[in-house]
Amino acid sequence: MEYKDTLVWKKKNPMPRNRDRRYVPDVEMMQWYVKGKGWIFNRCNERYESCVKEYSSESGGGFKRYHETQKPIELIKNIIKIHSDEGMLVVDPFLGSGTTALACEDLGRKWVGVEKEEVYCKIVTDRLGDIVNGSKNMSLMDMLDG
């Protein structure tokens, strides 16, 4: 895999910490790697695509939090749109609560997710509801049972 860039999620509503003893965790880093020459970069911004992505944190008020490191779905959708085309396969090796799977379903991408914790597999299946049962993607619970 070839390293291309580091992306930064700049949180608008980070989890507060003791401001006298710790930094506020208001950013998360993501690295972009490619394999081979056929990689995708669909610029979505008229001027340029910034490596800094600003979205509200799903840990703040008004969002249902299913996982301690859950990402905003709009952040994940933006990254998927830039780095894949409709119908392509997206692999999430740390599926967690299934935000990547939901984003892929909304954007017309195929997806494969890996999650070792059965509790999160159940959450993903519940979050996807009828979408999983009606799509070509196999239910995570079916994978566990099979």
C-alpha atoms as a PDB file:
ATOM      1  CA  MET A   1       0.000   0.000   0.000  1.00  0.00           C
ATOM      2  CA  GLU A   2       1.220   3.474  -0.849  1.00  0.00           C
ATOM      3  CA  TYR A   3       0.605   6.336   1.574  1.00  0.00           C
ATOM      4  CA  LYS A   4      -1.065   9.351  -0.076  1.00  0.00           C
ATOM      5  CA  ASP A   5      -2.291  11.798   2.591  1.00  0.00           C
ATOM      6  CA  THR A   6      -3.338  12.334   6.179  1.00  0.00           C
ATOM      7  CA  LEU A   7      -6.856  13.665   6.684  1.00  0.00           C
ATOM      8  CA  VAL A   8      -8.004  15.493   9.800  1.00  0.00           C
ATOM      9  CA  TRP A   9     -11.513  15.382  11.242  1.00  0.00           C
ATOM     10  CA  LYS A  10     -11.878  18.712  13.085  1.00  0.00           C
ATOM     11  CA  LYS A  11     -14.670  18.198  15.606  1.00  0.00           C
ATOM     12  CA  LYS A  12     -17.053  21.075  16.199  1.00  0.00           C
ATOM     13  CA  ASN A  13     -18.389  19.611  19.445  1.00  0.00           C
ATOM     14  CA  PRO A  14     -15.594  17.534  21.064  1.00  0.00           C
ATOM     15  CA  MET A  15     -15.931  15.620  24.315  1.00  0.00           C
ATOM     16  CA  PRO A  16     -14.904  17.951  27.143  1.00  0.00           C
ATOM     17  CA  ARG A  17     -11.981  17.072  29.362  1.00  0.00           C
ATOM     18  CA  ASN A  18     -10.388  18.627  32.409  1.00  0.00           C
ATOM     19  CA  ARG A  19      -9.120  21.802  30.721  1.00  0.00           C
ATOM     20  CA  ASP A  20      -6.507  22.362  33.409  1.00  0.00           C
ATOM     21  CA  ARG A  21      -4.835  18.971  32.898  1.00  0.00           C
ATOM     22  CA  ARG A  22      -5.464  17.773  29.312  1.00  0.00           C
ATOM     23  CA  TYR A  23      -5.865  19.012  25.747  1.00  0.00           C
ATOM     24  CA  VAL A  24      -9.377  18.890  24.329  1.00  0.00           C
ATOM     25  CA  PRO A  25      -9.543  15.999  21.823  1.00  0.00           C
ATOM     26  CA  ASP A  26     -10.982  18.071  18.973  1.00  0.00           C
ATOM     27  CA  VAL A  27      -9.264  16.288  16.050  1.00  0.00           C
ATOM     28  CA  GLU A  28      -8.885  12.738  14.769  1.00  0.00           C
ATOM     29  CA  MET A  29      -6.399  11.709  12.116  1.00  0.00           C
ATOM     30  CA  MET A  30      -7.127   9.399   9.180  1.00  0.00           C
ATOM     31  CA  GLN A  31      -4.596   8.090   6.685  1.00  0.00           C
ATOM     32  CA  TRP A  32      -5.284   7.427   3.019  1.00  0.00           C
ATOM     33  CA  TYR A  33      -3.438   4.581   1.302  1.00  0.00           C
ATOM     34  CA  VAL A  34      -3.824   3.222  -2.240  1.00  0.00           C
ATOM     35  CA  LYS A  35      -2.918  -0.015  -3.927  1.00  0.00           C
ATOM     36  CA  GLY A  36      -1.968   0.011  -7.594  1.00  0.00           C
ATOM     37  CA  LYS A  37      -2.559   2.710 -10.164  1.00  0.00           C
ATOM     38  CA  GLY A  38      -6.357   2.640 -10.464  1.00  0.00           C
ATOM     39  CA  TRP A  39      -7.212   4.652  -7.369  1.00  0.00           C
ATOM     40  CA  ILE A  40     -10.103   7.128  -7.295  1.00  0.00           C
ATOM     41  CA  PHE A  41     -10.155  10.824  -6.359  1.00  0.00           C
ATOM     42  CA  ASN A  42     -13.486  12.522  -7.063  1.00  0.00           C
ATOM     43  CA  ARG A  43     -13.018  16.143  -6.048  1.00  0.00           C
ATOM     44  CA  CYS A  44     -16.295  17.317  -4.475  1.00  0.00           C
ATOM     45  CA  ASN A  45     -15.271  20.918  -3.760  1.00  0.00           C
ATOM     46  CA  GLU A  46     -15.238  23.546  -6.537  1.00  0.00           C
ATOM     47  CA  ARG A  47     -11.874  25.034  -5.521  1.00  0.00           C
ATOM     48  CA  TYR A  48      -9.887  22.217  -3.902  1.00  0.00           C
ATOM     49  CA  GLU A  49     -10.387  19.312  -1.563  1.00  0.00           C
ATOM     50  CA  SER A  50      -9.095  20.139   1.907  1.00  0.00           C
ATOM     51  CA  CYS A  51      -7.533  17.443   4.065  1.00  0.00           C
ATOM     52  CA  VAL A  52      -9.313  19.026   7.045  1.00  0.00           C
ATOM     53  CA  LYS A  53     -12.913  17.835   7.371  1.00  0.00           C
ATOM     54  CA  GLU A  54     -15.194  19.699   9.785  1.00  0.00           C
ATOM     55  CA  TYR A  55     -18.322  17.921  10.965  1.00  0.00           C
ATOM     56  CA  SER A  56     -20.227  17.910  14.233  1.00  0.00           C
ATOM     57  CA  SER A  57     -19.182  15.168  16.586  1.00  0.00           C
ATOM     58  CA  GLU A  58     -21.795  12.467  17.118  1.00  0.00           C
ATOM     59  CA  SER A  59     -20.822  12.465  20.766  1.00  0.00           C
ATOM     60  CA  GLY A  60     -22.628  15.752  21.332  1.00  0.00           C
ATOM     61  CA  GLY A  61     -26.312  16.357  21.961  1.00  0.00           C
ATOM     62  CA  GLY A  62     -28.973  15.338  19.474  1.00  0.00           C
ATOM     63  CA  PHE A  63     -27.209  12.195  18.203  1.00  0.00           C
ATOM     64  CA  LYS A  64     -27.696   8.578  19.202  1.00  0.00           C
ATOM     65  CA  ARG A  65     -24.275   7.239  20.128  1.00  0.00           C
ATOM     66  CA  TYR A  66     -23.819   3.510  19.551  1.00  0.00           C
ATOM     67  CA  HIS A  67     -20.027   3.229  19.783  1.00  0.00           C
ATOM     68  CA  GLU A  68     -17.347   5.156  21.680  1.00  0.00           C
ATOM     69  CA  THR A  69     -15.418   6.037  18.491  1.00  0.00           C
ATOM     70  CA  GLN A  70     -18.437   6.568  16.223  1.00  0.00           C
ATOM     71  CA  LYS A  71     -17.923   8.987  13.324  1.00  0.00           C
ATOM     72  CA  PRO A  72     -20.515  11.372  11.826  1.00  0.00           C
ATOM     73  CA  ILE A  73     -22.207   9.754   8.832  1.00  0.00           C
ATOM     74  CA  GLU A  74     -21.696  12.908   6.712  1.00  0.00           C
ATOM     75  CA  LEU A  75     -17.930  12.707   7.292  1.00  0.00           C
ATOM     76  CA  ILE A  76     -17.852   9.070   6.175  1.00  0.00           C
ATOM     77  CA  LYS A  77     -20.116   9.806   3.174  1.00  0.00           C
ATOM     78  CA  ASN A  78     -17.762  12.594   2.059  1.00  0.00           C
ATOM     79  CA  ILE A  79     -14.718  10.308   2.189  1.00  0.00           C
ATOM     80  CA  ILE A  80     -16.557   7.487   0.390  1.00  0.00           C
ATOM     81  CA  LYS A  81     -17.740   9.853  -2.391  1.00  0.00           C
ATOM     82  CA  ILE A  82     -14.199  11.122  -2.953  1.00  0.00           C
ATOM     83  CA  HIS A  83     -12.514   7.713  -2.985  1.00  0.00           C
ATOM     84  CA  SER A  84     -15.055   5.468  -4.736  1.00  0.00           C
ATOM     85  CA  ASP A  85     -17.632   5.438  -7.496  1.00  0.00           C
ATOM     86  CA  GLU A  86     -21.174   4.102  -7.321  1.00  0.00           C
ATOM     87  CA  GLY A  87     -21.254   0.307  -7.338  1.00  0.00           C
ATOM     88  CA  MET A  88     -17.707  -0.070  -6.017  1.00  0.00           C
ATOM     89  CA  LEU A  89     -16.818  -2.106  -2.938  1.00  0.00           C
ATOM     90  CA  VAL A  90     -15.871  -0.357   0.316  1.00  0.00           C
ATOM     91  CA  VAL A  91     -14.186  -2.420   3.053  1.00  0.00           C
ATOM     92  CA  ASP A  92     -14.322  -1.342   6.690  1.00  0.00           C
ATOM     93  CA  PRO A  93     -12.078  -3.610   8.803  1.00  0.00           C
ATOM     94  CA  PHE A  94     -13.365  -2.016  12.041  1.00  0.00           C
ATOM     95  CA  LEU A  95     -17.126  -1.731  11.401  1.00  0.00           C
ATOM     96  CA  GLY A  96     -18.136  -0.768  14.933  1.00  0.00           C
ATOM     97  CA  SER A  97     -21.728   0.478  14.887  1.00  0.00           C
ATOM     98  CA  GLY A  98     -21.987   0.393  11.088  1.00  0.00           C
ATOM     99  CA  THR A  99     -21.716   4.030  10.025  1.00  0.00           C
ATOM    100  CA  THR A 100     -19.688   3.022   6.956  1.00  0.00           C
ATOM    101  CA  ALA A 101     -22.304   0.410   6.004  1.00  0.00           C
ATOM    102  CA  LEU A 102     -25.120   2.977   6.321  1.00  0.00           C
ATOM    103  CA  ALA A 103     -23.180   5.499   4.237  1.00  0.00           C
ATOM    104  CA  CYS A 104     -22.495   2.888   1.546  1.00  0.00           C
ATOM    105  CA  GLU A 105     -26.159   1.902   1.384  1.00  0.00           C
ATOM    106  CA  ASP A 106     -27.144   5.583   0.977  1.00  0.00           C
ATOM    107  CA  LEU A 107     -24.496   6.166  -1.719  1.00  0.00           C
ATOM    108  CA  GLY A 108     -25.004   2.996  -3.772  1.00  0.00           C
ATOM    109  CA  ARG A 109     -21.730   1.324  -2.812  1.00  0.00           C
ATOM    110  CA  LYS A 110     -21.238  -2.318  -1.913  1.00  0.00           C
ATOM    111  CA  TRP A 111     -19.657  -2.893   1.457  1.00  0.00           C
ATOM    112  CA  VAL A 112     -17.939  -5.490   3.589  1.00  0.00           C
ATOM    113  CA  GLY A 113     -17.491  -4.933   7.295  1.00  0.00           C
ATOM    114  CA  VAL A 114     -15.464  -6.793   9.873  1.00  0.00           C
ATOM    115  CA  GLU A 115     -16.453  -6.574  13.522  1.00  0.00           C
ATOM    116  CA  LYS A 116     -15.399  -9.029  16.226  1.00  0.00           C
ATOM    117  CA  GLU A 117     -17.828  -7.890  18.932  1.00  0.00           C
ATOM    118  CA  GLU A 118     -21.219  -9.563  18.547  1.00  0.00           C
ATOM    119  CA  VAL A 119     -22.979  -6.696  20.359  1.00  0.00           C
ATOM    120  CA  TYR A 120     -21.886  -4.286  17.590  1.00  0.00           C
ATOM    121  CA  CYS A 121     -22.879  -6.750  14.853  1.00  0.00           C
ATOM    122  CA  LYS A 122     -26.380  -6.704  16.343  1.00  0.00           C
ATOM    123  CA  ILE A 123     -26.358  -2.878  16.479  1.00  0.00           C
ATOM    124  CA  VAL A 124     -25.343  -2.697  12.800  1.00  0.00           C
ATOM    125  CA  THR A 125     -28.116  -5.087  11.819  1.00  0.00           C
ATOM    126  CA  ASP A 126     -30.641  -3.089  13.851  1.00  0.00           C
ATOM    127  CA  ARG A 127     -29.452   0.259  12.401  1.00  0.00           C
ATOM    128  CA  LEU A 128     -29.670  -1.033   8.857  1.00  0.00           C
ATOM    129  CA  GLY A 129     -33.047  -2.646   9.454  1.00  0.00           C
ATOM    130  CA  ASP A 130     -34.839  -3.615   6.250  1.00  0.00           C
ATOM    131  CA  ILE A 131     -32.056  -2.165   4.081  1.00  0.00           C
ATOM    132  CA  VAL A 132     -29.800  -5.150   4.775  1.00  0.00           C
ATOM    133  CA  ASN A 133     -32.579  -7.679   4.344  1.00  0.00           C
ATOM    134  CA  GLY A 134     -33.517  -6.213   0.955  1.00  0.00           C
ATOM    135  CA  SER A 135     -30.005  -5.683  -0.409  1.00  0.00           C
ATOM    136  CA  LYS A 136     -27.358  -7.939  -1.887  1.00  0.00           C
ATOM    137  CA  ASN A 137     -25.160  -7.415   1.183  1.00  0.00           C
ATOM    138  CA  MET A 138     -25.245 -10.299   3.634  1.00  0.00           C
ATOM    139  CA  SER A 139     -26.557  -9.570   7.108  1.00  0.00           C
ATOM    140  CA  LEU A 140     -23.859  -9.516   9.770  1.00  0.00           C
ATOM    141  CA  MET A 141     -25.957 -11.777  11.956  1.00  0.00           C
ATOM    142  CA  ASP A 142     -26.281 -14.238   9.043  1.00  0.00           C
ATOM    143  CA  MET A 143     -22.475 -14.289   8.866  1.00  0.00           C
ATOM    144  CA  LEU A 144     -22.232 -15.025  12.583  1.00  0.00           C
ATOM    145  CA  ASP A 145     -24.854 -17.779  12.367  1.00  0.00           C
ATOM    146  CA  GLY A 146     -23.352 -19.263   9.164  1.00  0.00           C
END
